[in-house]
Amino acid sequence: KVVCYFGSWSVYRPGQGKFDISYIDPFLCTHLVYTFVGLDSNNNVKVLDAWQDLPDNWGKDAFGRFNALRKINPEVKTMIAIGGWNEGSTKYSQMASSAASREQFAKNVVEFVKKYNFDGFDLDWEYPAQRGGAPEDVENYIELLKVLKKELSKENLILSAAVAAAEVSASKSFNVREMSKHLDIINIMAYDLHGAWENVVGLNAPLRAHPDEPEDVQKLAVEACAQYWIDQGGDKDKIVLGMPLYGRAFQLKEPSETYVGAEARGPGAAGPYTRERGMIGYNEICEAHKKGGWQVVFDEDRRVPYTYKGDQWIGYDNV
């Protein structure tokens, strides 16, 4: 399985940074996931950008155009994702807290998925029992998956979830063995393992840990994340490893100190397209390198590159 997420907000990026549905090659992926829809106060799925997503009132009909990619590749499956970081956890915690609201949500999900002609549904609740959630979320999340699977299966629709990859977060939110029973696909978000929320520079998705790192830092590596999910009873046939197509950027405290773990002042400069400090697209990294002046180092232990110029430092994945 190759699951590809499309960030619908990327159509608003300026110039060369704009990424439209028409640019998607539907032969690259087995599953295409459109992000995001949200949850309203009545525990129903809500469209977050009606003008972009829907055809009504001369809208752009992104849902329709996204699903039309199946005309080019009839084998590809299209899915709609709910949640994401900005949606938070609190309202999902409240929705999952009773059997009645879970049931109502599940039925509405099926209605929504069928209405807009998707092949499945991706639950991206970030994260149960965290960020304003409740301790009961861990059990309620399983109950929610059960009812979603029951309702979606009736219509032969796919159920997947995007989940925290690292043990430090996943262990608070997920009963891995149980959730594996109810999901068709488990997308583990093995990235954002380090970033400008830390006071030292670190790699977004190091493949392996450095042998000299403390144990808690060693667990913040892609290999350790995948092993955690397998050790906890995750079904290997359902687990899909998430990879970042962007880097995490830092401003160095001392421009002469460029090693992994060097002190950072804060997030690095924003890219011209993504326009968010601390995060920079791979396309932006490639353009920066073309302009020159950047040093690239491949970290032999962690098996990923980083790049720096002046006081700017970026840890990323390359091709």
Protein backbone atom coordinates (compact mmCIF):
# COMPACT_ATOMS: atom_id res chain seq x y z
CA LYS A 1 0.00 0.00 0.00
CA VAL A 2 1.15 3.51 -0.80
CA VAL A 3 -1.06 6.08 0.96
CA CYS A 4 -0.71 9.70 -0.22
CA TYR A 5 -2.17 12.63 1.70
CA PHE A 6 -3.24 15.76 -0.17
CA GLY A 7 -3.25 18.95 1.92
CA SER A 8 -6.16 20.89 0.40
CA TRP A 9 -4.75 24.22 1.64
CA SER A 10 -1.76 23.83 -0.72
CA VAL A 11 -3.89 25.32 -3.54
CA TYR A 12 -3.57 28.68 -1.74
CA ARG A 13 0.24 28.76 -1.83
CA PRO A 14 1.78 31.46 -4.02
CA GLY A 15 3.49 31.03 -7.39
CA GLN A 16 5.35 27.79 -7.98
CA GLY A 17 4.25 26.57 -4.55
CA LYS A 18 0.62 26.09 -5.50
CA PHE A 19 -0.35 22.42 -5.71
CA ASP A 20 -3.64 21.65 -7.40
CA ILE A 21 -5.53 18.34 -7.61
CA SER A 22 -4.78 18.32 -11.34
CA TYR A 23 -1.06 17.91 -10.48
CA ILE A 24 -1.65 14.58 -8.70
CA ASP A 25 -0.39 11.47 -10.49
CA PRO A 26 -3.00 8.87 -9.46
CA PHE A 27 -0.69 6.01 -10.45
CA LEU A 28 1.84 6.84 -7.70
CA CYS A 29 -0.44 5.72 -4.85
CA THR A 30 -2.86 2.94 -3.97
CA HIS A 31 -4.84 5.28 -1.69
CA LEU A 32 -5.31 9.05 -1.96
CA VAL A 33 -6.47 10.88 1.16
CA TYR A 34 -8.04 14.36 1.03
CA THR A 35 -7.38 16.47 4.14
CA PHE A 36 -9.33 17.74 6.06
CA VAL A 37 -12.93 17.91 7.13
CA GLY A 38 -13.91 18.73 10.71
CA LEU A 39 -16.39 17.88 13.43
CA ASP A 40 -19.31 20.19 14.25
CA SER A 41 -21.06 20.71 17.60
CA ASN A 42 -23.74 18.14 16.68
CA ASN A 43 -21.11 15.42 16.12
CA ASN A 44 -21.54 15.57 12.37
CA VAL A 45 -18.84 15.84 9.72
CA LYS A 46 -18.45 19.44 8.56
CA VAL A 47 -16.81 20.86 5.46
CA LEU A 48 -14.08 23.33 6.46
CA ASP A 49 -13.70 25.16 3.13
CA ALA A 50 -17.02 25.01 1.29
CA TRP A 51 -15.95 27.24 -1.61
CA GLN A 52 -12.90 25.06 -2.30
CA ASP A 53 -14.38 21.63 -1.56
CA LEU A 54 -17.93 21.80 -2.96
CA PRO A 55 -19.53 22.69 -6.32
CA ASP A 56 -22.33 24.82 -4.79
CA ASN A 57 -22.38 28.59 -5.44
CA TRP A 58 -19.73 28.35 -8.17
CA GLY A 59 -17.39 26.52 -5.79
CA LYS A 60 -14.24 24.73 -6.96
CA ASP A 61 -15.63 21.19 -6.36
CA ALA A 62 -12.36 19.81 -5.04
CA PHE A 63 -14.08 16.68 -3.67
CA GLY A 64 -15.49 15.93 -7.12
CA ARG A 65 -12.21 16.63 -8.90
CA PHE A 66 -10.29 14.53 -6.37
CA ASN A 67 -12.60 11.55 -6.83
CA ALA A 68 -12.46 11.98 -10.62
CA LEU A 69 -8.81 10.85 -10.41
CA ARG A 70 -10.28 7.32 -10.38
CA LYS A 71 -11.28 7.87 -14.02
CA ILE A 72 -7.57 8.09 -14.83
CA ASN A 73 -6.63 5.16 -12.55
CA PRO A 74 -9.68 3.03 -11.69
CA GLU A 75 -7.53 1.04 -9.21
CA VAL A 76 -6.80 3.96 -6.88
CA LYS A 77 -8.95 4.40 -3.75
CA THR A 78 -9.93 7.88 -2.54
CA MET A 79 -10.54 8.71 1.12
CA ILE A 80 -11.60 11.71 3.18
CA ALA A 81 -9.74 12.52 6.42
CA ILE A 82 -11.26 14.18 9.48
CA GLY A 83 -9.28 16.02 12.12
CA GLY A 84 -5.61 16.98 11.98
CA TRP A 85 -3.57 19.00 14.45
CA ASN A 86 -5.62 22.21 14.19
CA GLU A 87 -8.92 20.48 15.01
CA GLY A 88 -7.57 19.55 18.44
CA SER A 89 -8.78 16.71 20.64
CA THR A 90 -11.51 18.07 22.94
CA LYS A 91 -14.54 17.81 20.67
CA TYR A 92 -13.50 14.34 19.48
CA SER A 93 -13.18 13.27 23.11
CA GLN A 94 -16.69 14.56 23.81
CA MET A 95 -18.14 12.87 20.71
CA ALA A 96 -16.55 9.52 21.63
CA SER A 97 -17.70 9.68 25.26
CA SER A 98 -21.13 8.06 24.79
CA ALA A 99 -22.45 5.15 22.74
CA ALA A 100 -25.25 7.33 21.34
CA SER A 101 -22.95 10.08 20.04
CA ARG A 102 -20.49 7.53 18.63
CA GLU A 103 -23.30 5.79 16.77
CA GLN A 104 -24.69 9.04 15.44
CA PHE A 105 -21.25 10.16 14.25
CA ALA A 106 -20.56 6.82 12.55
CA LYS A 107 -23.86 6.94 10.66
CA ASN A 108 -23.16 10.54 9.58
CA VAL A 109 -19.67 9.55 8.40
CA VAL A 110 -21.13 6.87 6.11
CA GLU A 111 -23.70 9.36 4.80
CA PHE A 112 -20.95 11.94 4.09
CA VAL A 113 -18.56 9.46 2.45
CA LYS A 114 -21.32 8.15 0.18
CA LYS A 115 -22.73 11.61 -0.62
CA TYR A 116 -19.37 12.85 -1.89
CA ASN A 117 -18.39 9.52 -3.44
CA PHE A 118 -15.23 8.60 -1.50
CA ASP A 119 -14.06 4.99 -1.02
CA GLY A 120 -13.26 5.36 2.66
CA PHE A 121 -12.68 7.42 5.78
CA ASP A 122 -9.49 8.33 7.66
CA LEU A 123 -9.75 9.25 11.34
CA ASP A 124 -7.03 11.71 12.35
CA TRP A 125 -7.90 12.50 15.97
CA GLU A 126 -4.80 14.16 17.44
CA TYR A 127 -4.78 12.65 20.06
CA PRO A 128 -7.00 10.60 22.35
CA ALA A 129 -6.30 11.33 26.06
CA GLN A 130 -4.06 14.29 25.10
CA ARG A 131 -4.40 17.96 24.13
CA GLY A 132 -7.66 18.52 26.01
CA GLY A 133 -8.88 14.93 25.79
CA ALA A 134 -9.81 12.69 28.73
CA PRO A 135 -8.22 9.49 30.17
CA GLU A 136 -11.32 7.51 29.07
CA ASP A 137 -10.49 8.37 25.44
CA VAL A 138 -8.20 5.34 25.14
CA GLU A 139 -11.12 2.94 25.64
CA ASN A 140 -13.67 5.19 23.90
CA TYR A 141 -11.41 5.38 20.83
CA ILE A 142 -11.66 1.59 20.47
CA GLU A 143 -15.44 1.75 20.85
CA LEU A 144 -15.55 4.49 18.22
CA LEU A 145 -13.49 2.39 15.79
CA LYS A 146 -15.80 -0.58 16.37
CA VAL A 147 -18.93 1.34 15.41
CA LEU A 148 -17.22 3.11 12.49
CA LYS A 149 -16.01 -0.23 11.14
CA LYS A 150 -19.47 -1.78 11.58
CA GLU A 151 -21.22 1.04 9.68
CA LEU A 152 -18.58 1.50 6.95
CA SER A 153 -18.35 -2.27 6.32
CA LYS A 154 -22.06 -2.37 5.46
CA GLU A 155 -21.25 -0.18 2.46
CA ASN A 156 -17.90 -1.84 1.70
CA LEU A 157 -16.00 1.34 2.64
CA ILE A 158 -12.43 1.51 3.99
CA LEU A 159 -11.53 2.66 7.52
CA SER A 160 -8.06 3.99 8.30
CA ALA A 161 -6.53 6.12 11.04
CA ALA A 162 -3.53 8.41 11.28
CA VAL A 163 -1.74 7.89 14.58
CA ALA A 164 1.15 9.20 16.65
CA ALA A 165 4.20 7.05 15.89
CA ALA A 166 6.53 7.54 18.86
CA GLU A 167 6.03 5.57 22.08
CA VAL A 168 6.08 8.76 24.20
CA SER A 169 2.81 9.87 22.57
CA ALA A 170 1.24 6.66 21.22
CA SER A 171 1.42 4.93 24.61
CA LYS A 172 -0.84 7.63 26.09
CA SER A 173 -3.49 7.35 23.35
CA PHE A 174 -3.69 3.93 21.78
CA ASN A 175 -4.41 0.32 22.66
CA VAL A 176 -2.52 -0.89 19.59
CA ARG A 177 -3.59 -4.53 19.60
CA GLU A 178 -7.29 -3.68 19.93
CA MET A 179 -7.36 -0.89 17.35
CA SER A 180 -5.59 -3.17 14.86
CA LYS A 181 -8.66 -5.42 14.85
CA HIS A 182 -10.98 -2.69 13.56
CA LEU A 183 -8.85 -0.71 11.11
CA ASP A 184 -8.03 -1.59 7.49
CA ILE A 185 -4.99 0.71 7.42
CA ILE A 186 -2.92 2.23 10.25
CA ASN A 187 -0.94 5.27 9.08
CA ILE A 188 1.82 5.90 11.61
CA MET A 189 3.02 9.50 11.50
CA ALA A 190 6.75 8.81 11.86
CA TYR A 191 7.80 12.44 11.47
CA ASP A 192 7.91 15.61 13.58
CA LEU A 193 10.09 13.52 15.88
CA HIS A 194 12.16 16.67 16.43
CA GLY A 195 11.38 20.32 15.70
CA ALA A 196 11.71 23.92 16.83
CA TRP A 197 9.65 23.23 19.99
CA GLU A 198 12.98 21.81 21.29
CA ASN A 199 15.96 23.99 22.22
CA VAL A 200 18.47 21.96 20.19
CA VAL A 201 18.50 21.13 16.47
CA GLY A 202 17.17 17.70 15.54
CA LEU A 203 16.10 15.67 12.55
CA ASN A 204 12.46 15.54 11.47
CA ALA A 205 12.47 11.78 10.86
CA PRO A 206 15.80 10.09 11.65
CA LEU A 207 15.69 6.51 10.36
CA ARG A 208 17.84 5.19 13.20
CA ALA A 209 18.98 6.46 16.57
CA HIS A 210 22.55 7.47 17.38
CA PRO A 211 24.08 4.89 19.77
CA ASP A 212 25.27 7.64 22.18
CA GLU A 213 21.85 9.27 22.59
CA PRO A 214 19.85 8.84 25.81
CA GLU A 215 17.19 6.09 25.68
CA ASP A 216 14.24 8.51 25.43
CA VAL A 217 15.87 10.21 22.41
CA GLN A 218 16.69 6.84 20.82
CA LYS A 219 12.96 6.11 20.79
CA LEU A 220 12.47 9.22 18.60
CA ALA A 221 13.61 7.42 15.44
CA VAL A 222 11.55 5.93 12.62
CA GLU A 223 12.85 2.41 13.19
CA ALA A 224 12.04 2.59 16.92
CA CYS A 225 8.53 3.90 16.17
CA ALA A 226 7.76 1.07 13.73
CA GLN A 227 9.17 -1.48 16.18
CA TYR A 228 7.01 -0.07 19.01
CA TRP A 229 3.82 -0.50 16.95
CA ILE A 230 4.77 -4.06 15.98
CA ASP A 231 5.79 -4.98 19.55
CA GLN A 232 2.48 -3.67 20.86
CA GLY A 233 0.55 -6.01 18.58
CA GLY A 234 0.03 -3.83 15.52
CA ASP A 235 -0.78 -5.81 12.38
CA LYS A 236 2.20 -5.52 10.02
CA ASP A 237 -0.09 -5.96 7.01
CA LYS A 238 -2.08 -2.88 8.05
CA ILE A 239 0.71 -0.55 9.19
CA VAL A 240 1.81 2.09 6.67
CA LEU A 241 4.91 4.11 7.53
CA GLY A 242 4.40 7.87 7.18
CA MET A 243 7.21 9.89 5.60
CA PRO A 244 7.61 13.68 5.60
CA LEU A 245 7.95 15.58 2.33
CA TYR A 246 9.19 18.60 4.27
CA GLY A 247 11.95 19.49 6.71
CA ARG A 248 12.07 20.94 10.21
CA ALA A 249 14.00 24.22 10.34
CA PHE A 250 15.92 25.89 13.18
CA GLN A 251 17.88 29.06 13.81
CA LEU A 252 21.28 28.14 15.27
CA LYS A 253 22.46 29.87 18.42
CA GLU A 254 26.06 29.66 17.19
CA PRO A 255 26.36 29.43 13.38
CA SER A 256 29.69 27.60 13.79
CA GLU A 257 28.00 24.77 15.73
CA THR A 258 26.07 22.79 13.13
CA TYR A 259 25.99 19.24 14.54
CA VAL A 260 22.75 17.42 15.51
CA GLY A 261 22.03 18.51 19.08
CA ALA A 262 23.62 21.97 18.73
CA GLU A 263 21.78 24.74 20.55
CA ALA A 264 18.93 26.46 18.70
CA ARG A 265 17.49 29.96 19.17
CA GLY A 266 14.10 28.98 17.77
CA PRO A 267 12.42 28.07 14.48
CA GLY A 268 14.18 28.63 11.17
CA ALA A 269 13.04 31.13 8.54
CA ALA A 270 9.79 30.47 6.68
CA GLY A 271 9.89 29.20 3.10
CA PRO A 272 8.48 31.31 0.23
CA TYR A 273 5.53 28.93 -0.35
CA THR A 274 4.70 27.22 2.94
CA ARG A 275 5.28 30.52 4.83
CA GLU A 276 5.55 28.93 8.26
CA ARG A 277 8.61 29.32 10.48
CA GLY A 278 10.20 26.03 11.52
CA MET A 279 8.73 24.00 8.65
CA ILE A 280 9.95 23.98 5.07
CA GLY A 281 8.81 21.99 2.02
CA TYR A 282 11.21 19.68 0.18
CA ASN A 283 10.55 21.76 -2.95
CA GLU A 284 11.71 24.85 -1.04
CA ILE A 285 14.84 23.05 0.19
CA CYS A 286 15.70 22.02 -3.39
CA GLU A 287 15.22 25.61 -4.62
CA ALA A 288 17.42 26.95 -1.79
CA HIS A 289 20.17 24.47 -2.70
CA LYS A 290 20.03 25.58 -6.36
CA LYS A 291 20.75 29.15 -5.26
CA GLY A 292 23.91 27.92 -3.53
CA GLY A 293 25.71 28.51 -0.24
CA TRP A 294 24.15 25.60 1.64
CA GLN A 295 26.24 22.79 3.10
CA VAL A 296 24.66 19.32 3.01
CA VAL A 297 25.72 16.64 5.50
CA PHE A 298 24.51 13.03 5.46
CA ASP A 299 24.27 11.71 9.02
CA GLU A 300 25.68 8.18 8.72
CA ASP A 301 24.26 7.01 12.05
CA ARG A 302 20.75 8.40 11.63
CA ARG A 303 20.70 7.80 7.83
CA VAL A 304 19.20 11.16 6.86
CA PRO A 305 20.64 14.49 5.67
CA TYR A 306 20.68 17.95 7.16
CA THR A 307 21.65 21.22 5.56
CA TYR A 308 22.82 24.59 6.89
CA LYS A 309 23.74 28.08 5.77
CA GLY A 310 24.66 30.90 8.17
CA ASP A 311 22.41 30.49 11.20
CA GLN A 312 19.77 28.44 9.33
CA TRP A 313 19.66 24.65 9.84
CA ILE A 314 17.20 22.14 8.32
CA GLY A 315 16.79 18.41 9.01
CA TYR A 316 14.90 16.66 6.21
CA ASP A 317 14.44 13.53 4.08
CA ASN A 318 15.82 13.53 0.55
CA VAL A 319 15.16 11.46 -2.54
